[in-house]
Amino acid sequence: MKKSRIYSAFFYIINRIFCHNNLNSFFAGYLIMLKLIKKILQIAFAIVLISVCVNMFLAPHNIAAGGLTGLAVILEELVSLERSMVIMIGNAALLIVTLIFLGKEVFFNTVIGASLLPLIIGLVPKITLVQDTMLSMVVGSVIFGAAVSVLYHNKASSGGTSVPPLIFKKYFKMNTSIGLFLTDGIVVVLCLLVFSVDAFFYAVSSIFITSLTMNYLENGINKKKMVYIISEFHEAISNDILYDIGRGVTVVPVIGAYNQDERRMLMVTLNKKDYQKLLTIVDKYDKKAFMITDTVTDVHGQGFTYESGSI
């Protein structure tokens, strides 16, 4: 009898642990934890890149290319205040602003970056990795732009002047690269007063390169082609696009203004790698087909932001 009760209790506990709902909750929590770890690792990686950029590429050549890090380089030169300490104090103030204007999620992500930056920038050696000032500025700026893009992709920042661009984007729909360019301008002016005219122009160039890098990473990598095709063989062309390329096609009825002829225009959006396939298909059926091709930077929907059949 006792054994029967023990077995019953045992199987009851096992059933409670491994029941369907508990398994779903377990895996849901596991996936959330994986996403959080991935995000933290990406933020930490971006902070390491920023620290390397400042300590090894920009600061050794007195290039204060905006941001709280640039201000820290200037204050270190003026009053011999350790740059990691300047960043720590500045980030503490900006975290309060982040919580008020950007919410808890961005605040949490910014806390990670803002806490890691003064720590890692204090650990990364202050050495001149590249002797040539121009080359050091270009390489450092590209690295900096890539690092900030990683942070923005995770809705995070390293604190400092990378916080205002997030606010500008949320409330004024301003591109983050433009917002960063505006906020960094103040620090660059200080660079002119503290260092030299050469350092000032290097800092300005650095901001331009950083902005271009960010803009390219945000809009340039995933560019798509939007193609409009008018042809008498639209059915055959449409069929090959659907089944050979695997892209959807929209058929739009159009009327020519000159002869008032009714035709069918195909509209298709595809990746760069599929564009050459499309040209081959159109050329196979109609060498006189009328085509307009446009480059688009942002496409949302099935086959682009999620795979077919995933929802």
C-alpha atoms as a PDB file:
ATOM      1  CA  MET A   1       0.000   0.000   0.000  1.00  0.00           C
ATOM      2  CA  LYS A   2       2.792   2.376   0.938  1.00  0.00           C
ATOM      3  CA  LYS A   3       4.659   1.499  -2.248  1.00  0.00           C
ATOM      4  CA  SER A   4       1.533   2.231  -4.287  1.00  0.00           C
ATOM      5  CA  ARG A   5       1.198   5.665  -2.685  1.00  0.00           C
ATOM      6  CA  ILE A   6       4.878   6.414  -3.243  1.00  0.00           C
ATOM      7  CA  TYR A   7       4.602   5.449  -6.932  1.00  0.00           C
ATOM      8  CA  SER A   8       1.466   7.538  -7.330  1.00  0.00           C
ATOM      9  CA  ALA A   9       3.119  10.561  -5.750  1.00  0.00           C
ATOM     10  CA  PHE A  10       6.214  10.065  -7.895  1.00  0.00           C
ATOM     11  CA  PHE A  11       4.247   9.895 -11.158  1.00  0.00           C
ATOM     12  CA  TYR A  12       2.142  12.874 -10.104  1.00  0.00           C
ATOM     13  CA  ILE A  13       5.273  14.990  -9.587  1.00  0.00           C
ATOM     14  CA  ILE A  14       6.753  13.853 -12.906  1.00  0.00           C
ATOM     15  CA  ASN A  15       3.492  14.681 -14.664  1.00  0.00           C
ATOM     16  CA  ARG A  16       3.418  18.172 -13.126  1.00  0.00           C
ATOM     17  CA  ILE A  17       7.012  18.867 -14.123  1.00  0.00           C
ATOM     18  CA  PHE A  18       6.768  17.609 -17.685  1.00  0.00           C
ATOM     19  CA  CYS A  19       3.192  18.517 -18.540  1.00  0.00           C
ATOM     20  CA  HIS A  20       2.618  20.367 -21.825  1.00  0.00           C
ATOM     21  CA  ASN A  21       2.096  23.821 -20.328  1.00  0.00           C
ATOM     22  CA  ASN A  22       5.166  23.591 -18.141  1.00  0.00           C
ATOM     23  CA  LEU A  23       7.292  22.515 -21.112  1.00  0.00           C
ATOM     24  CA  ASN A  24       6.026  25.444 -23.153  1.00  0.00           C
ATOM     25  CA  SER A  25       6.792  27.828 -20.310  1.00  0.00           C
ATOM     26  CA  PHE A  26      10.244  26.315 -19.866  1.00  0.00           C
ATOM     27  CA  PHE A  27      11.182  26.622 -23.547  1.00  0.00           C
ATOM     28  CA  ALA A  28       9.680  30.117 -23.781  1.00  0.00           C
ATOM     29  CA  GLY A  29      11.796  31.223 -20.832  1.00  0.00           C
ATOM     30  CA  TYR A  30      14.831  29.486 -22.315  1.00  0.00           C
ATOM     31  CA  LEU A  31      14.423  31.340 -25.633  1.00  0.00           C
ATOM     32  CA  ILE A  32      14.004  34.675 -23.860  1.00  0.00           C
ATOM     33  CA  MET A  33      17.175  33.998 -21.880  1.00  0.00           C
ATOM     34  CA  LEU A  34      19.090  33.138 -25.070  1.00  0.00           C
ATOM     35  CA  LYS A  35      17.932  36.386 -26.710  1.00  0.00           C
ATOM     36  CA  LEU A  36      18.992  38.370 -23.649  1.00  0.00           C
ATOM     37  CA  ILE A  37      22.441  36.733 -23.566  1.00  0.00           C
ATOM     38  CA  LYS A  38      22.890  37.352 -27.303  1.00  0.00           C
ATOM     39  CA  LYS A  39      21.941  41.014 -26.887  1.00  0.00           C
ATOM     40  CA  ILE A  40      24.316  41.508 -23.936  1.00  0.00           C
ATOM     41  CA  LEU A  41      27.187  39.887 -25.867  1.00  0.00           C
ATOM     42  CA  GLN A  42      26.554  42.119 -28.884  1.00  0.00           C
ATOM     43  CA  ILE A  43      26.472  45.233 -26.690  1.00  0.00           C
ATOM     44  CA  ALA A  44      29.696  44.170 -24.935  1.00  0.00           C
ATOM     45  CA  PHE A  45      31.381  43.519 -28.296  1.00  0.00           C
ATOM     46  CA  ALA A  46      30.383  46.991 -29.540  1.00  0.00           C
ATOM     47  CA  ILE A  47      31.763  48.586 -26.354  1.00  0.00           C
ATOM     48  CA  VAL A  48      35.086  46.799 -26.843  1.00  0.00           C
ATOM     49  CA  LEU A  49      35.265  48.146 -30.412  1.00  0.00           C
ATOM     50  CA  ILE A  50      34.559  51.688 -29.226  1.00  0.00           C
ATOM     51  CA  SER A  51      37.245  51.429 -26.533  1.00  0.00           C
ATOM     52  CA  VAL A  52      39.818  50.126 -29.019  1.00  0.00           C
ATOM     53  CA  CYS A  53      38.869  52.875 -31.460  1.00  0.00           C
ATOM     54  CA  VAL A  54      39.324  55.658 -28.890  1.00  0.00           C
ATOM     55  CA  ASN A  55      42.463  54.403 -27.117  1.00  0.00           C
ATOM     56  CA  MET A  56      44.360  53.051 -30.134  1.00  0.00           C
ATOM     57  CA  PHE A  57      43.208  55.035 -33.171  1.00  0.00           C
ATOM     58  CA  LEU A  58      41.747  58.454 -32.313  1.00  0.00           C
ATOM     59  CA  ALA A  59      43.008  59.683 -28.925  1.00  0.00           C
ATOM     60  CA  PRO A  60      46.727  59.017 -29.676  1.00  0.00           C
ATOM     61  CA  HIS A  61      46.453  61.584 -32.493  1.00  0.00           C
ATOM     62  CA  ASN A  62      44.380  64.083 -30.448  1.00  0.00           C
ATOM     63  CA  ILE A  63      41.269  63.389 -32.544  1.00  0.00           C
ATOM     64  CA  ALA A  64      38.269  64.139 -30.313  1.00  0.00           C
ATOM     65  CA  ALA A  65      35.618  63.063 -32.801  1.00  0.00           C
ATOM     66  CA  GLY A  66      32.594  64.043 -30.791  1.00  0.00           C
ATOM     67  CA  GLY A  67      30.761  62.114 -28.138  1.00  0.00           C
ATOM     68  CA  LEU A  68      31.430  61.757 -24.457  1.00  0.00           C
ATOM     69  CA  THR A  69      34.616  59.874 -25.323  1.00  0.00           C
ATOM     70  CA  GLY A  70      35.813  62.864 -27.350  1.00  0.00           C
ATOM     71  CA  LEU A  71      34.963  65.198 -24.480  1.00  0.00           C
ATOM     72  CA  ALA A  72      36.888  62.880 -22.147  1.00  0.00           C
ATOM     73  CA  VAL A  73      39.959  63.115 -24.416  1.00  0.00           C
ATOM     74  CA  ILE A  74      39.734  66.933 -24.318  1.00  0.00           C
ATOM     75  CA  LEU A  75      39.330  67.109 -20.534  1.00  0.00           C
ATOM     76  CA  GLU A  76      42.190  64.674 -20.062  1.00  0.00           C
ATOM     77  CA  GLU A  77      44.398  67.060 -22.027  1.00  0.00           C
ATOM     78  CA  LEU A  78      43.137  70.163 -20.198  1.00  0.00           C
ATOM     79  CA  VAL A  79      42.929  69.070 -16.548  1.00  0.00           C
ATOM     80  CA  SER A  80      44.586  65.617 -16.588  1.00  0.00           C
ATOM     81  CA  LEU A  81      41.305  63.980 -15.572  1.00  0.00           C
ATOM     82  CA  GLU A  82      41.212  60.276 -16.416  1.00  0.00           C
ATOM     83  CA  ARG A  83      38.945  59.754 -19.441  1.00  0.00           C
ATOM     84  CA  SER A  84      37.227  56.729 -17.896  1.00  0.00           C
ATOM     85  CA  MET A  85      36.163  58.891 -14.932  1.00  0.00           C
ATOM     86  CA  VAL A  86      34.698  61.580 -17.218  1.00  0.00           C
ATOM     87  CA  ILE A  87      32.712  58.944 -19.079  1.00  0.00           C
ATOM     88  CA  MET A  88      31.429  57.416 -15.850  1.00  0.00           C
ATOM     89  CA  ILE A  89      30.141  60.756 -14.502  1.00  0.00           C
ATOM     90  CA  GLY A  90      28.624  61.797 -17.845  1.00  0.00           C
ATOM     91  CA  ASN A  91      26.889  58.486 -18.359  1.00  0.00           C
ATOM     92  CA  ALA A  92      25.362  58.571 -14.889  1.00  0.00           C
ATOM     93  CA  ALA A  93      23.608  61.842 -15.763  1.00  0.00           C
ATOM     94  CA  LEU A  94      22.504  60.647 -19.196  1.00  0.00           C
ATOM     95  CA  LEU A  95      21.031  57.432 -17.793  1.00  0.00           C
ATOM     96  CA  ILE A  96      18.457  59.529 -15.976  1.00  0.00           C
ATOM     97  CA  VAL A  97      17.569  61.258 -19.267  1.00  0.00           C
ATOM     98  CA  THR A  98      17.307  57.863 -20.984  1.00  0.00           C
ATOM     99  CA  LEU A  99      14.867  56.535 -18.392  1.00  0.00           C
ATOM    100  CA  ILE A 100      12.649  59.602 -18.728  1.00  0.00           C
ATOM    101  CA  PHE A 101      12.518  59.927 -22.518  1.00  0.00           C
ATOM    102  CA  LEU A 102      13.285  56.469 -23.931  1.00  0.00           C
ATOM    103  CA  GLY A 103      11.695  54.069 -21.460  1.00  0.00           C
ATOM    104  CA  LYS A 104      12.792  51.081 -19.424  1.00  0.00           C
ATOM    105  CA  GLU A 105      13.909  48.812 -22.280  1.00  0.00           C
ATOM    106  CA  VAL A 106      16.381  51.303 -23.757  1.00  0.00           C
ATOM    107  CA  PHE A 107      17.385  52.317 -20.224  1.00  0.00           C
ATOM    108  CA  PHE A 108      18.248  48.703 -19.398  1.00  0.00           C
ATOM    109  CA  ASN A 109      20.246  48.307 -22.626  1.00  0.00           C
ATOM    110  CA  THR A 110      21.979  51.652 -22.063  1.00  0.00           C
ATOM    111  CA  VAL A 111      22.870  50.700 -18.480  1.00  0.00           C
ATOM    112  CA  ILE A 112      24.850  47.765 -19.845  1.00  0.00           C
ATOM    113  CA  GLY A 113      26.785  49.854 -22.365  1.00  0.00           C
ATOM    114  CA  ALA A 114      27.186  52.868 -20.106  1.00  0.00           C
ATOM    115  CA  SER A 115      28.543  50.696 -17.294  1.00  0.00           C
ATOM    116  CA  LEU A 116      30.899  48.702 -19.504  1.00  0.00           C
ATOM    117  CA  LEU A 117      32.387  51.636 -21.424  1.00  0.00           C
ATOM    118  CA  PRO A 118      34.311  53.364 -18.594  1.00  0.00           C
ATOM    119  CA  LEU A 119      35.440  49.964 -17.330  1.00  0.00           C
ATOM    120  CA  ILE A 120      36.686  48.621 -20.665  1.00  0.00           C
ATOM    121  CA  ILE A 121      38.121  51.927 -21.858  1.00  0.00           C
ATOM    122  CA  GLY A 122      40.166  51.953 -18.646  1.00  0.00           C
ATOM    123  CA  LEU A 123      41.458  48.445 -19.390  1.00  0.00           C
ATOM    124  CA  VAL A 124      42.287  48.836 -23.089  1.00  0.00           C
ATOM    125  CA  PRO A 125      45.922  49.972 -23.501  1.00  0.00           C
ATOM    126  CA  LYS A 126      46.516  53.569 -24.623  1.00  0.00           C
ATOM    127  CA  ILE A 127      48.823  52.883 -27.556  1.00  0.00           C
ATOM    128  CA  THR A 128      49.318  54.253 -31.052  1.00  0.00           C
ATOM    129  CA  LEU A 129      48.390  51.318 -33.235  1.00  0.00           C
ATOM    130  CA  VAL A 130      48.740  53.220 -36.545  1.00  0.00           C
ATOM    131  CA  GLN A 131      51.396  55.919 -36.884  1.00  0.00           C
ATOM    132  CA  ASP A 132      49.864  57.707 -39.877  1.00  0.00           C
ATOM    133  CA  THR A 133      47.240  60.153 -38.579  1.00  0.00           C
ATOM    134  CA  MET A 134      45.003  60.052 -41.658  1.00  0.00           C
ATOM    135  CA  LEU A 135      44.940  56.257 -41.836  1.00  0.00           C
ATOM    136  CA  SER A 136      44.366  55.977 -38.096  1.00  0.00           C
ATOM    137  CA  MET A 137      41.462  58.432 -38.320  1.00  0.00           C
ATOM    138  CA  VAL A 138      39.795  56.583 -41.211  1.00  0.00           C
ATOM    139  CA  VAL A 139      40.130  53.116 -39.675  1.00  0.00           C
ATOM    140  CA  GLY A 140      39.074  54.322 -36.231  1.00  0.00           C
ATOM    141  CA  SER A 141      36.027  56.135 -37.616  1.00  0.00           C
ATOM    142  CA  VAL A 142      34.821  53.104 -39.558  1.00  0.00           C
ATOM    143  CA  ILE A 143      35.205  50.913 -36.452  1.00  0.00           C
ATOM    144  CA  PHE A 144      33.392  53.495 -34.335  1.00  0.00           C
ATOM    145  CA  GLY A 145      30.508  53.755 -36.825  1.00  0.00           C
ATOM    146  CA  ALA A 146      30.151  49.976 -36.997  1.00  0.00           C
ATOM    147  CA  ALA A 147      30.159  49.689 -33.192  1.00  0.00           C
ATOM    148  CA  VAL A 148      27.488  52.360 -32.710  1.00  0.00           C
ATOM    149  CA  SER A 149      25.349  50.707 -35.409  1.00  0.00           C
ATOM    150  CA  VAL A 150      25.501  47.435 -33.463  1.00  0.00           C
ATOM    151  CA  LEU A 151      24.353  49.283 -30.348  1.00  0.00           C
ATOM    152  CA  TYR A 152      21.487  51.030 -32.154  1.00  0.00           C
ATOM    153  CA  HIS A 153      20.453  47.727 -33.743  1.00  0.00           C
ATOM    154  CA  ASN A 154      19.967  46.405 -30.186  1.00  0.00           C
ATOM    155  CA  LYS A 155      18.121  49.598 -29.148  1.00  0.00           C
ATOM    156  CA  ALA A 156      21.044  50.387 -26.896  1.00  0.00           C
ATOM    157  CA  SER A 157      23.887  52.860 -26.642  1.00  0.00           C
ATOM    158  CA  SER A 158      27.138  53.407 -24.835  1.00  0.00           C
ATOM    159  CA  GLY A 159      25.637  56.431 -23.138  1.00  0.00           C
ATOM    160  CA  GLY A 160      27.195  59.805 -23.856  1.00  0.00           C
ATOM    161  CA  THR A 161      26.085  61.710 -26.931  1.00  0.00           C
ATOM    162  CA  SER A 162      24.726  58.548 -28.528  1.00  0.00           C
ATOM    163  CA  VAL A 163      21.642  58.962 -26.303  1.00  0.00           C
ATOM    164  CA  PRO A 164      20.307  62.227 -27.857  1.00  0.00           C
ATOM    165  CA  PRO A 165      20.123  60.707 -31.389  1.00  0.00           C
ATOM    166  CA  LEU A 166      17.853  57.972 -29.994  1.00  0.00           C
ATOM    167  CA  ILE A 167      15.610  60.668 -28.516  1.00  0.00           C
ATOM    168  CA  PHE A 168      15.612  62.607 -31.820  1.00  0.00           C
ATOM    169  CA  LYS A 169      14.679  59.451 -33.703  1.00  0.00           C
ATOM    170  CA  LYS A 170      11.820  58.589 -31.334  1.00  0.00           C
ATOM    171  CA  TYR A 171      10.237  62.036 -31.134  1.00  0.00           C
ATOM    172  CA  PHE A 172      11.299  63.750 -34.392  1.00  0.00           C
ATOM    173  CA  LYS A 173      11.857  60.729 -36.735  1.00  0.00           C
ATOM    174  CA  MET A 174      15.412  61.934 -37.370  1.00  0.00           C
ATOM    175  CA  ASN A 175      17.953  59.440 -38.718  1.00  0.00           C
ATOM    176  CA  THR A 176      20.346  58.395 -35.954  1.00  0.00           C
ATOM    177  CA  SER A 177      23.419  59.131 -38.086  1.00  0.00           C
ATOM    178  CA  ILE A 178      22.263  62.751 -38.567  1.00  0.00           C
ATOM    179  CA  GLY A 179      21.420  63.093 -34.884  1.00  0.00           C
ATOM    180  CA  LEU A 180      24.853  61.830 -33.913  1.00  0.00           C
ATOM    181  CA  PHE A 181      26.475  64.265 -36.345  1.00  0.00           C
ATOM    182  CA  LEU A 182      24.647  67.226 -34.767  1.00  0.00           C
ATOM    183  CA  THR A 183      25.380  66.317 -31.150  1.00  0.00           C
ATOM    184  CA  ASP A 184      29.045  65.598 -31.879  1.00  0.00           C
ATOM    185  CA  GLY A 185      29.491  69.020 -33.473  1.00  0.00           C
ATOM    186  CA  ILE A 186      29.708  70.703 -30.074  1.00  0.00           C
ATOM    187  CA  VAL A 187      32.631  68.523 -28.974  1.00  0.00           C
ATOM    188  CA  VAL A 188      34.421  69.094 -32.278  1.00  0.00           C
ATOM    189  CA  VAL A 189      34.316  72.867 -31.750  1.00  0.00           C
ATOM    190  CA  LEU A 190      35.984  72.340 -28.364  1.00  0.00           C
ATOM    191  CA  CYS A 191      38.609  70.239 -30.142  1.00  0.00           C
ATOM    192  CA  LEU A 192      39.531  73.301 -32.228  1.00  0.00           C
ATOM    193  CA  LEU A 193      39.991  75.398 -29.096  1.00  0.00           C
ATOM    194  CA  VAL A 194      42.055  72.856 -27.144  1.00  0.00           C
ATOM    195  CA  PHE A 195      44.195  71.125 -29.774  1.00  0.00           C
ATOM    196  CA  SER A 196      44.940  72.443 -33.262  1.00  0.00           C
ATOM    197  CA  VAL A 197      43.315  73.281 -36.570  1.00  0.00           C
ATOM    198  CA  ASP A 198      44.610  69.973 -37.969  1.00  0.00           C
ATOM    199  CA  ALA A 199      43.032  68.059 -35.093  1.00  0.00           C
ATOM    200  CA  PHE A 200      39.770  69.936 -35.697  1.00  0.00           C
ATOM    201  CA  PHE A 201      39.576  68.942 -39.369  1.00  0.00           C
ATOM    202  CA  TYR A 202      40.532  65.364 -38.551  1.00  0.00           C
ATOM    203  CA  ALA A 203      37.695  65.291 -36.004  1.00  0.00           C
ATOM    204  CA  VAL A 204      35.213  66.702 -38.540  1.00  0.00           C
ATOM    205  CA  SER A 205      36.334  64.125 -41.119  1.00  0.00           C
ATOM    206  CA  SER A 206      36.002  61.395 -38.523  1.00  0.00           C
ATOM    207  CA  ILE A 207      32.392  62.362 -37.809  1.00  0.00           C
ATOM    208  CA  PHE A 208      31.575  62.317 -41.529  1.00  0.00           C
ATOM    209  CA  ILE A 209      33.099  58.861 -41.961  1.00  0.00           C
ATOM    210  CA  THR A 210      31.337  57.573 -38.838  1.00  0.00           C
ATOM    211  CA  SER A 211      27.988  58.905 -40.100  1.00  0.00           C
ATOM    212  CA  LEU A 212      28.519  57.416 -43.559  1.00  0.00           C
ATOM    213  CA  THR A 213      29.426  54.047 -42.066  1.00  0.00           C
ATOM    214  CA  MET A 214      26.342  54.051 -39.844  1.00  0.00           C
ATOM    215  CA  ASN A 215      24.090  55.144 -42.696  1.00  0.00           C
ATOM    216  CA  TYR A 216      25.449  52.415 -44.953  1.00  0.00           C
ATOM    217  CA  LEU A 217      25.062  49.720 -42.313  1.00  0.00           C
ATOM    218  CA  GLU A 218      21.519  50.867 -41.490  1.00  0.00           C
ATOM    219  CA  ASN A 219      20.279  51.329 -45.067  1.00  0.00           C
ATOM    220  CA  GLY A 220      22.841  50.111 -47.565  1.00  0.00           C
ATOM    221  CA  ILE A 221      23.448  46.436 -46.816  1.00  0.00           C
ATOM    222  CA  ASN A 222      19.897  45.163 -47.332  1.00  0.00           C
ATOM    223  CA  LYS A 223      18.944  47.241 -50.348  1.00  0.00           C
ATOM    224  CA  LYS A 224      16.392  45.647 -52.654  1.00  0.00           C
ATOM    225  CA  LYS A 225      15.323  46.159 -56.267  1.00  0.00           C
ATOM    226  CA  MET A 226      11.810  47.281 -57.156  1.00  0.00           C
ATOM    227  CA  VAL A 227      11.146  46.477 -60.824  1.00  0.00           C
ATOM    228  CA  TYR A 228       8.221  47.511 -63.037  1.00  0.00           C
ATOM    229  CA  ILE A 229       7.780  45.539 -66.275  1.00  0.00           C
ATOM    230  CA  ILE A 230       5.401  46.199 -69.173  1.00  0.00           C
ATOM    231  CA  SER A 231       5.348  43.446 -71.774  1.00  0.00           C
ATOM    232  CA  GLU A 232       2.928  41.571 -74.017  1.00  0.00           C
ATOM    233  CA  PHE A 233       4.343  38.379 -72.508  1.00  0.00           C
ATOM    234  CA  HIS A 234       3.576  39.363 -68.930  1.00  0.00           C
ATOM    235  CA  GLU A 235       1.948  36.018 -68.107  1.00  0.00           C
ATOM    236  CA  ALA A 236       5.019  33.968 -69.082  1.00  0.00           C
ATOM    237  CA  ILE A 237       7.374  36.407 -67.342  1.00  0.00           C
ATOM    238  CA  SER A 238       5.195  36.418 -64.216  1.00  0.00           C
ATOM    239  CA  ASN A 239       5.111  32.615 -64.147  1.00  0.00           C
ATOM    240  CA  ASP A 240       8.926  32.348 -64.283  1.00  0.00           C
ATOM    241  CA  ILE A 241       9.334  34.970 -61.548  1.00  0.00           C
ATOM    242  CA  LEU A 242       6.968  33.032 -59.310  1.00  0.00           C
ATOM    243  CA  TYR A 243       8.467  29.588 -59.819  1.00  0.00           C
ATOM    244  CA  ASP A 244      12.075  30.107 -60.977  1.00  0.00           C
ATOM    245  CA  ILE A 245      13.038  33.026 -58.731  1.00  0.00           C
ATOM    246  CA  GLY A 246      10.472  32.339 -56.030  1.00  0.00           C
ATOM    247  CA  ARG A 247       9.241  35.908 -55.648  1.00  0.00           C
ATOM    248  CA  GLY A 248       5.731  37.266 -55.582  1.00  0.00           C
ATOM    249  CA  VAL A 249       4.444  39.429 -58.441  1.00  0.00           C
ATOM    250  CA  THR A 250       1.779  42.114 -58.421  1.00  0.00           C
ATOM    251  CA  VAL A 251      -0.130  42.633 -61.679  1.00  0.00           C
ATOM    252  CA  VAL A 252      -1.256  46.243 -62.132  1.00  0.00           C
ATOM    253  CA  PRO A 253      -3.628  47.305 -64.947  1.00  0.00           C
ATOM    254  CA  VAL A 254      -2.260  50.415 -66.683  1.00  0.00           C
ATOM    255  CA  ILE A 255      -3.334  52.605 -69.586  1.00  0.00           C
ATOM    256  CA  GLY A 256      -0.925  54.309 -71.996  1.00  0.00           C
ATOM    257  CA  ALA A 257      -1.690  58.025 -72.328  1.00  0.00           C
ATOM    258  CA  TYR A 258      -0.852  58.291 -76.042  1.00  0.00           C
ATOM    259  CA  ASN A 259      -2.902  55.437 -77.560  1.00  0.00           C
ATOM    260  CA  GLN A 260      -5.096  54.699 -74.518  1.00  0.00           C
ATOM    261  CA  ASP A 261      -3.992  51.061 -74.737  1.00  0.00           C
ATOM    262  CA  GLU A 262      -4.777  48.866 -71.747  1.00  0.00           C
ATOM    263  CA  ARG A 263      -1.863  46.756 -70.570  1.00  0.00           C
ATOM    264  CA  ARG A 264      -0.682  44.748 -67.584  1.00  0.00           C
ATOM    265  CA  MET A 265       2.321  45.948 -65.624  1.00  0.00           C
ATOM    266  CA  LEU A 266       4.235  43.590 -63.365  1.00  0.00           C
ATOM    267  CA  MET A 267       5.636  44.900 -60.096  1.00  0.00           C
ATOM    268  CA  VAL A 268       8.202  42.754 -58.294  1.00  0.00           C
ATOM    269  CA  THR A 269      10.568  43.309 -55.366  1.00  0.00           C
ATOM    270  CA  LEU A 270      13.677  41.153 -55.102  1.00  0.00           C
ATOM    271  CA  ASN A 271      17.220  40.895 -53.781  1.00  0.00           C
ATOM    272  CA  LYS A 272      20.230  42.057 -55.760  1.00  0.00           C
ATOM    273  CA  LYS A 273      21.317  38.485 -56.449  1.00  0.00           C
ATOM    274  CA  ASP A 274      17.924  37.728 -58.089  1.00  0.00           C
ATOM    275  CA  TYR A 275      17.945  40.851 -60.256  1.00  0.00           C
ATOM    276  CA  GLN A 276      20.205  39.315 -62.914  1.00  0.00           C
ATOM    277  CA  LYS A 277      17.927  36.270 -63.057  1.00  0.00           C
ATOM    278  CA  LEU A 278      14.988  38.595 -63.672  1.00  0.00           C
ATOM    279  CA  LEU A 279      16.803  40.342 -66.533  1.00  0.00           C
ATOM    280  CA  THR A 280      17.515  36.952 -68.108  1.00  0.00           C
ATOM    281  CA  ILE A 281      13.858  35.924 -67.846  1.00  0.00           C
ATOM    282  CA  VAL A 282      12.533  39.150 -69.341  1.00  0.00           C
ATOM    283  CA  ASP A 283      15.101  39.056 -72.146  1.00  0.00           C
ATOM    284  CA  LYS A 284      14.130  35.447 -72.946  1.00  0.00           C
ATOM    285  CA  TYR A 285      10.485  36.353 -73.658  1.00  0.00           C
ATOM    286  CA  ASP A 286      10.585  39.972 -74.760  1.00  0.00           C
ATOM    287  CA  LYS A 287      13.719  41.897 -75.709  1.00  0.00           C
ATOM    288  CA  LYS A 288      11.595  45.031 -76.203  1.00  0.00           C
ATOM    289  CA  ALA A 289       9.958  44.915 -72.774  1.00  0.00           C
ATOM    290  CA  PHE A 290       9.737  48.258 -70.974  1.00  0.00           C
ATOM    291  CA  MET A 291      11.373  48.097 -67.532  1.00  0.00           C
ATOM    292  CA  ILE A 292      11.905  50.580 -64.714  1.00  0.00           C
ATOM    293  CA  THR A 293      14.192  49.586 -61.853  1.00  0.00           C
ATOM    294  CA  ASP A 294      14.445  51.401 -58.552  1.00  0.00           C
ATOM    295  CA  THR A 295      16.618  50.735 -55.500  1.00  0.00           C
ATOM    296  CA  VAL A 296      14.733  50.601 -52.199  1.00  0.00           C
ATOM    297  CA  THR A 297      16.330  50.581 -48.759  1.00  0.00           C
ATOM    298  CA  ASP A 298      13.585  49.104 -46.614  1.00  0.00           C
ATOM    299  CA  VAL A 299      11.190  46.254 -47.386  1.00  0.00           C
ATOM    300  CA  HIS A 300       8.901  44.556 -44.852  1.00  0.00           C
ATOM    301  CA  GLY A 301       6.801  41.474 -45.406  1.00  0.00           C
ATOM    302  CA  GLN A 302       6.809  37.798 -46.285  1.00  0.00           C
ATOM    303  CA  GLY A 303      10.040  36.662 -47.890  1.00  0.00           C
ATOM    304  CA  PHE A 304      11.982  39.677 -46.589  1.00  0.00           C
ATOM    305  CA  THR A 305      11.462  40.344 -42.878  1.00  0.00           C
ATOM    306  CA  TYR A 306      10.125  36.818 -42.293  1.00  0.00           C
ATOM    307  CA  GLU A 307      10.260  33.652 -44.337  1.00  0.00           C
ATOM    308  CA  SER A 308       7.338  32.219 -46.281  1.00  0.00           C
ATOM    309  CA  GLY A 309       5.114  30.053 -44.120  1.00  0.00           C
ATOM    310  CA  SER A 310       6.657  31.239 -40.858  1.00  0.00           C
ATOM    311  CA  ILE A 311       3.439  32.841 -39.643  1.00  0.00           C
END
